[in-house]
Amino acid sequence: MTQKYEFVEGDEKVIAPGLVARRIRALVAIPALLWAPAVQPGELGGYVAESNNLAQVSGNAWVYGNAQVYGDAQVSGDARVYGDAQVYGDARVSGNARVSGNAQVYGDARVSGNAWVSGDARVYGDAQVSGNAWVYGNAWVYGNAWVSGDARVYGDAQVYGDARVYGDARVYGDARVSGNAQVYGNARVSGNAQVSGDAWVYGDAQVYGDARVYGDAQVYGDARVSGNAQVSGDAWVYGDAQVSEKCTKTPILIMGLAYTITITDDHLRAGCQCHPVSKWPTFTQKEIADMDGKSALRFYPQLLALLAAARAGEQVSS
């Protein structure tokens, strides 16, 4: 069967002592893809160490520019590796996947489907990036982590351990998702936030700032966890709840009032105002008015009544 490329004598790069990658030249036309131009016979490609690194006969896979593929790595299907990207070790890039920029895919990592790894991103270990997922910027995906669906991991974010990020989820900034954690749906994890352990973040939930979600905690719906919040244990934060402080049990969420109320371990949030539960009864009329004017003043007696009822309930139960 007709071979797809040949090695160009004298045009090579020394990867390491005893390991050399050679420039390739197309022998046949390779059809264009939606996002990649056609390759014409005689056109120079990137650098490949051995014929088993880039499929010679099957598929339309190609290596462009200064990209390098070596070790026992394989590029197959209609995959493309270009720019200054490197694929090595036992890595596999297949399907319609692409690896570009200064990205590196190595170890036993797998990039498949329509996935794209670009920029200075790293995918390594036993990590998998598949579906329509993108990993870019300075993001790292490693360990046994999976990024799939239409998920995006970017910035300086890291996904590792046995973590899963999928659906339309976004993990970015300096965020970390690790352990057995799952982030999916339209969820967002950003800033310096960390999601770990067996925690789940999903739906339209957002975790950001310096927040931590761990243990068996779940954050979902339209919930927001931010600031220095720590949500742990078996706590579930959901609906329109907003948590910016410690939360080790499922918060109390009261909706349908002038302001949504969220009560965590020792804090109460009314609308955008969050203070210790013990502080709320001590506010002056002026302090309440400064929060939200007449609306806050009208609501404040109702809030005090709620607190009094909650205290009475605690006394009965004890």
Protein backbone atom coordinates (compact mmCIF):
# COMPACT_ATOMS: atom_id res chain seq x y z
CA MET A 1 0.00 0.00 0.00
CA THR A 2 1.13 3.57 -0.71
CA GLN A 3 3.06 5.17 2.08
CA LYS A 4 2.00 8.61 3.25
CA TYR A 5 5.39 10.14 3.95
CA GLU A 6 9.15 9.72 3.84
CA PHE A 7 11.97 10.93 6.06
CA VAL A 8 14.11 13.85 4.90
CA GLU A 9 17.77 12.98 5.17
CA GLY A 10 19.91 15.55 6.98
CA ASP A 11 17.00 17.43 8.59
CA GLU A 12 16.75 16.09 12.11
CA LYS A 13 16.56 17.07 15.77
CA VAL A 14 18.36 15.39 18.63
CA ILE A 15 15.76 14.84 21.37
CA ALA A 16 18.15 13.10 23.76
CA PRO A 17 21.35 11.07 23.45
CA GLY A 18 20.53 8.24 21.06
CA LEU A 19 17.09 9.65 20.22
CA VAL A 20 16.69 11.56 16.96
CA ALA A 21 13.55 12.82 15.24
CA ARG A 22 13.63 13.40 11.49
CA ARG A 23 11.68 15.77 9.29
CA ILE A 24 8.97 14.12 7.20
CA ARG A 25 7.83 14.89 3.65
CA ALA A 26 4.39 14.03 2.26
CA LEU A 27 4.32 11.49 -0.57
CA VAL A 28 0.58 11.76 -1.21
CA ALA A 29 -2.09 14.40 -0.88
CA ILE A 30 -3.77 14.48 2.53
CA PRO A 31 -7.29 15.98 2.48
CA ALA A 32 -8.13 19.14 4.36
CA LEU A 33 -10.16 19.02 7.54
CA LEU A 34 -12.60 21.67 8.74
CA TRP A 35 -9.84 23.29 10.78
CA ALA A 36 -6.71 22.13 8.94
CA PRO A 37 -5.49 22.75 5.37
CA ALA A 38 -4.76 20.01 2.90
CA VAL A 39 -1.22 18.65 2.65
CA GLN A 40 0.23 18.44 -0.85
CA PRO A 41 2.76 15.86 -2.07
CA GLY A 42 6.27 17.15 -1.41
CA GLU A 43 5.16 19.34 1.49
CA LEU A 44 7.38 19.18 4.55
CA GLY A 45 5.94 18.15 7.88
CA GLY A 46 7.22 18.05 11.43
CA TYR A 47 9.65 15.70 13.15
CA VAL A 48 9.00 12.03 13.75
CA ALA A 49 11.41 9.52 15.31
CA GLU A 50 10.01 6.28 13.85
CA SER A 51 7.42 5.18 11.32
CA ASN A 52 5.22 3.78 14.10
CA ASN A 53 4.91 7.27 15.59
CA LEU A 54 2.72 8.48 12.71
CA ALA A 55 0.36 6.17 10.83
CA GLN A 56 1.88 5.53 7.38
CA VAL A 57 -1.08 4.04 5.57
CA SER A 58 -4.38 4.54 7.36
CA GLY A 59 -6.12 7.79 8.20
CA ASN A 60 -5.15 11.37 7.42
CA ALA A 61 -3.05 12.09 10.50
CA TRP A 62 -0.23 14.57 10.02
CA VAL A 63 2.53 16.33 11.94
CA TYR A 64 3.30 19.93 10.89
CA GLY A 65 5.79 22.69 11.60
CA ASN A 66 8.30 22.01 14.34
CA ALA A 67 6.11 19.55 16.17
CA GLN A 68 7.78 16.39 17.43
CA VAL A 69 6.48 12.86 17.94
CA TYR A 70 8.78 10.26 19.45
CA GLY A 71 9.20 7.40 21.88
CA ASP A 72 6.34 4.91 21.57
CA ALA A 73 3.78 7.65 20.97
CA GLN A 74 1.29 7.25 18.14
CA VAL A 75 -0.64 9.79 16.09
CA SER A 76 -3.42 8.21 14.05
CA GLY A 77 -6.86 8.67 12.50
CA ASP A 78 -7.30 12.25 11.31
CA ALA A 79 -5.34 13.74 14.20
CA ARG A 80 -3.00 16.68 13.69
CA VAL A 81 0.02 17.73 15.73
CA TYR A 82 1.50 21.12 14.89
CA GLY A 83 3.28 24.25 16.06
CA ASP A 84 5.99 23.32 18.57
CA ALA A 85 3.90 20.62 20.21
CA GLN A 86 5.40 17.39 21.48
CA VAL A 87 3.81 13.96 21.77
CA TYR A 88 5.95 11.27 23.35
CA GLY A 89 6.20 8.38 25.77
CA ASP A 90 3.29 5.98 25.17
CA ALA A 91 0.81 8.75 24.42
CA ARG A 92 -1.91 8.37 21.81
CA VAL A 93 -3.49 11.14 19.74
CA SER A 94 -6.30 9.86 17.58
CA GLY A 95 -9.63 10.59 15.94
CA ASN A 96 -9.92 14.24 14.93
CA ALA A 97 -7.87 15.41 17.88
CA ARG A 98 -5.29 18.14 17.62
CA VAL A 99 -2.27 19.12 19.68
CA SER A 100 -0.75 22.51 18.96
CA GLY A 101 1.27 25.45 20.23
CA ASN A 102 3.80 24.39 22.87
CA ALA A 103 1.51 21.74 24.28
CA GLN A 104 2.88 18.41 25.46
CA VAL A 105 1.08 15.07 25.62
CA TYR A 106 3.09 12.25 27.15
CA GLY A 107 3.18 9.27 29.44
CA ASP A 108 0.16 7.04 28.74
CA ALA A 109 -2.10 9.99 28.05
CA ARG A 110 -4.87 9.80 25.46
CA VAL A 111 -6.27 12.66 23.37
CA SER A 112 -9.11 11.59 21.12
CA GLY A 113 -12.38 12.51 19.46
CA ASN A 114 -12.44 16.21 18.55
CA ALA A 115 -10.38 17.23 21.56
CA TRP A 116 -7.85 20.05 21.36
CA VAL A 117 -4.79 20.52 23.55
CA SER A 118 -2.99 23.80 22.89
CA GLY A 119 -0.96 26.68 24.25
CA ASP A 120 1.45 25.51 26.95
CA ALA A 121 -0.92 22.86 28.25
CA ARG A 122 0.26 19.48 29.56
CA VAL A 123 -1.65 16.20 29.43
CA TYR A 124 0.21 13.29 30.93
CA GLY A 125 0.19 10.22 33.12
CA ASP A 126 -2.94 8.19 32.35
CA ALA A 127 -5.06 11.27 31.70
CA GLN A 128 -7.64 11.36 28.93
CA VAL A 129 -9.02 14.30 26.97
CA SER A 130 -11.83 13.36 24.63
CA GLY A 131 -15.06 14.40 22.98
CA ASN A 132 -15.02 18.11 22.15
CA ALA A 133 -13.01 19.06 25.22
CA TRP A 134 -10.30 21.71 25.13
CA VAL A 135 -7.28 22.03 27.41
CA TYR A 136 -5.26 25.16 26.83
CA GLY A 137 -3.26 28.01 28.30
CA ASN A 138 -0.99 26.66 31.04
CA ALA A 139 -3.50 24.08 32.18
CA TRP A 140 -2.42 20.59 33.28
CA VAL A 141 -4.45 17.39 33.19
CA TYR A 142 -2.70 14.39 34.67
CA GLY A 143 -2.92 11.28 36.81
CA ASN A 144 -6.07 9.35 35.89
CA ALA A 145 -8.11 12.47 35.27
CA TRP A 146 -10.61 12.70 32.42
CA VAL A 147 -11.79 15.81 30.61
CA SER A 148 -14.56 15.13 28.12
CA GLY A 149 -17.74 16.35 26.48
CA ASP A 150 -17.57 20.09 25.75
CA ALA A 151 -15.59 20.86 28.88
CA ARG A 152 -12.82 23.47 28.96
CA VAL A 153 -9.80 23.53 31.26
CA TYR A 154 -7.59 26.57 30.85
CA GLY A 155 -5.54 29.31 32.46
CA ASP A 156 -3.31 27.76 35.12
CA ALA A 157 -5.93 25.24 36.19
CA GLN A 158 -5.08 21.66 37.06
CA VAL A 159 -7.24 18.54 36.95
CA TYR A 160 -5.65 15.44 38.41
CA GLY A 161 -6.04 12.30 40.47
CA ASP A 162 -9.21 10.48 39.38
CA ALA A 163 -11.13 13.69 38.81
CA ARG A 164 -13.70 14.05 36.04
CA VAL A 165 -14.63 17.28 34.23
CA TYR A 166 -17.29 16.95 31.57
CA GLY A 167 -20.45 18.32 30.00
CA ASP A 168 -20.09 22.08 29.47
CA ALA A 169 -18.09 22.58 32.63
CA ARG A 170 -15.27 25.13 32.88
CA VAL A 171 -12.24 24.94 35.17
CA TYR A 172 -9.93 27.93 34.91
CA GLY A 173 -7.77 30.48 36.66
CA ASP A 174 -5.66 28.71 39.30
CA ALA A 175 -8.42 26.27 40.17
CA ARG A 176 -7.71 22.66 41.15
CA VAL A 177 -9.99 19.65 40.73
CA SER A 178 -8.57 16.47 42.21
CA GLY A 179 -9.23 13.21 44.02
CA ASN A 180 -12.49 11.62 42.87
CA ALA A 181 -14.18 14.98 42.39
CA GLN A 182 -16.56 15.60 39.51
CA VAL A 183 -17.39 18.91 37.85
CA TYR A 184 -20.02 18.77 35.14
CA GLY A 185 -23.10 20.32 33.58
CA ASN A 186 -22.58 24.07 33.24
CA ALA A 187 -20.59 24.31 36.44
CA ARG A 188 -17.69 26.74 36.83
CA VAL A 189 -14.68 26.36 39.10
CA SER A 190 -12.29 29.31 38.99
CA GLY A 191 -9.96 31.62 40.85
CA ASN A 192 -8.01 29.72 43.50
CA ALA A 193 -10.90 27.38 44.22
CA GLN A 194 -10.31 23.71 44.95
CA VAL A 195 -12.72 20.81 44.54
CA SER A 196 -11.43 17.53 45.90
CA GLY A 197 -12.26 14.29 47.66
CA ASP A 198 -15.58 12.87 46.47
CA ALA A 199 -17.15 16.27 45.98
CA TRP A 200 -19.45 17.10 43.07
CA VAL A 201 -20.09 20.49 41.50
CA TYR A 202 -22.73 20.52 38.80
CA GLY A 203 -25.75 22.20 37.26
CA ASP A 204 -25.11 25.95 36.97
CA ALA A 205 -23.16 26.09 40.22
CA GLN A 206 -20.06 28.22 40.64
CA VAL A 207 -17.14 27.78 43.00
CA TYR A 208 -14.59 30.59 42.99
CA GLY A 209 -12.32 32.82 45.02
CA ASP A 210 -10.40 30.79 47.60
CA ALA A 211 -13.29 28.44 48.22
CA ARG A 212 -12.82 24.76 49.05
CA VAL A 213 -15.34 22.01 48.36
CA TYR A 214 -14.33 18.57 49.59
CA GLY A 215 -15.37 15.40 51.38
CA ASP A 216 -18.75 14.20 50.08
CA ALA A 217 -20.07 17.71 49.59
CA GLN A 218 -22.22 18.68 46.63
CA VAL A 219 -22.77 22.11 45.11
CA TYR A 220 -25.43 22.34 42.43
CA GLY A 221 -28.34 24.25 40.96
CA ASP A 222 -27.53 27.97 40.83
CA ALA A 223 -25.54 27.88 44.06
CA ARG A 224 -22.47 30.04 44.57
CA VAL A 225 -19.57 29.15 46.84
CA SER A 226 -16.97 31.89 47.09
CA GLY A 227 -14.54 33.84 49.22
CA ASN A 228 -12.85 31.68 51.84
CA ALA A 229 -15.77 29.30 52.08
CA GLN A 230 -15.20 25.69 53.01
CA VAL A 231 -17.96 23.26 52.14
CA SER A 232 -17.22 19.78 53.42
CA GLY A 233 -18.58 16.63 54.98
CA ASP A 234 -22.00 15.66 53.62
CA ALA A 235 -23.10 19.25 53.04
CA TRP A 236 -25.26 20.03 50.02
CA VAL A 237 -25.40 23.60 48.75
CA TYR A 238 -28.06 24.07 46.12
CA GLY A 239 -30.80 26.22 44.65
CA ASP A 240 -29.89 29.90 44.85
CA ALA A 241 -27.81 29.47 47.98
CA GLN A 242 -24.72 31.61 48.40
CA VAL A 243 -21.99 30.48 50.78
CA SER A 244 -18.83 32.43 51.55
CA GLU A 245 -17.96 30.89 54.92
CA LYS A 246 -17.48 27.50 56.59
CA CYS A 247 -20.24 25.00 55.87
CA THR A 248 -20.00 21.43 57.20
CA LYS A 249 -23.69 20.56 56.90
CA THR A 250 -26.41 21.29 54.39
CA PRO A 251 -27.32 24.98 54.78
CA ILE A 252 -30.86 26.16 55.41
CA LEU A 253 -32.20 27.93 52.33
CA ILE A 254 -35.32 30.12 52.61
CA MET A 255 -36.72 31.51 49.38
CA GLY A 256 -39.81 33.49 48.41
CA LEU A 257 -39.05 36.38 50.78
CA ALA A 258 -37.79 39.82 49.86
CA TYR A 259 -34.27 38.43 50.19
CA THR A 260 -33.11 34.85 49.81
CA ILE A 261 -31.86 33.56 53.17
CA THR A 262 -28.97 31.13 53.49
CA ILE A 263 -27.98 29.90 56.95
CA THR A 264 -24.73 27.95 57.30
CA ASP A 265 -22.88 26.73 60.40
CA ASP A 266 -22.77 30.11 62.11
CA HIS A 267 -23.51 32.68 59.42
CA LEU A 268 -26.70 34.04 57.88
CA ARG A 269 -26.82 35.61 54.43
CA ALA A 270 -29.76 37.81 53.46
CA GLY A 271 -29.40 38.82 49.84
CA CYS A 272 -25.80 39.96 49.49
CA GLN A 273 -25.28 40.67 53.19
CA CYS A 274 -23.53 37.89 55.13
CA HIS A 275 -22.82 38.16 58.87
CA PRO A 276 -22.54 35.87 61.89
CA VAL A 277 -25.99 34.78 63.12
CA SER A 278 -25.25 36.36 66.52
CA LYS A 279 -24.50 39.72 64.88
CA TRP A 280 -27.82 40.22 63.08
CA PRO A 281 -29.95 41.12 66.17
CA THR A 282 -27.42 43.76 67.22
CA PHE A 283 -27.56 45.96 64.11
CA THR A 284 -28.91 49.49 64.49
CA GLN A 285 -31.61 50.91 62.23
CA LYS A 286 -28.98 53.01 60.46
CA GLU A 287 -26.77 49.98 59.82
CA ILE A 288 -29.70 48.09 58.35
CA ALA A 289 -30.69 51.08 56.20
CA ASP A 290 -27.13 51.32 54.92
CA MET A 291 -27.43 47.75 53.64
CA ASP A 292 -30.35 48.32 51.26
CA GLY A 293 -32.39 51.32 52.30
CA LYS A 294 -36.11 51.08 53.04
CA SER A 295 -36.38 47.56 51.66
CA ALA A 296 -33.90 46.33 54.27
CA LEU A 297 -35.70 48.24 57.04
CA ARG A 298 -39.03 46.68 56.11
CA PHE A 299 -37.52 43.20 56.00
CA TYR A 300 -35.47 43.40 59.19
CA PRO A 301 -38.36 42.65 61.64
CA GLN A 302 -39.24 39.57 59.59
CA LEU A 303 -35.63 38.43 59.76
CA LEU A 304 -35.52 38.89 63.53
CA ALA A 305 -38.72 36.86 63.82
CA LEU A 306 -37.12 34.06 61.80
CA LEU A 307 -34.08 34.07 64.08
CA ALA A 308 -36.27 34.02 67.20
CA ALA A 309 -38.25 31.06 65.80
CA ALA A 310 -35.04 29.23 64.97
CA ARG A 311 -33.67 29.76 68.49
CA ALA A 312 -36.95 28.55 69.99
CA GLY A 313 -36.80 25.45 67.82
CA GLU A 314 -33.25 24.72 68.95
CA GLN A 315 -34.28 25.02 72.62
CA VAL A 316 -37.20 22.61 72.12
CA SER A 317 -35.04 20.06 70.32
CA SER A 318 -32.38 20.22 73.02
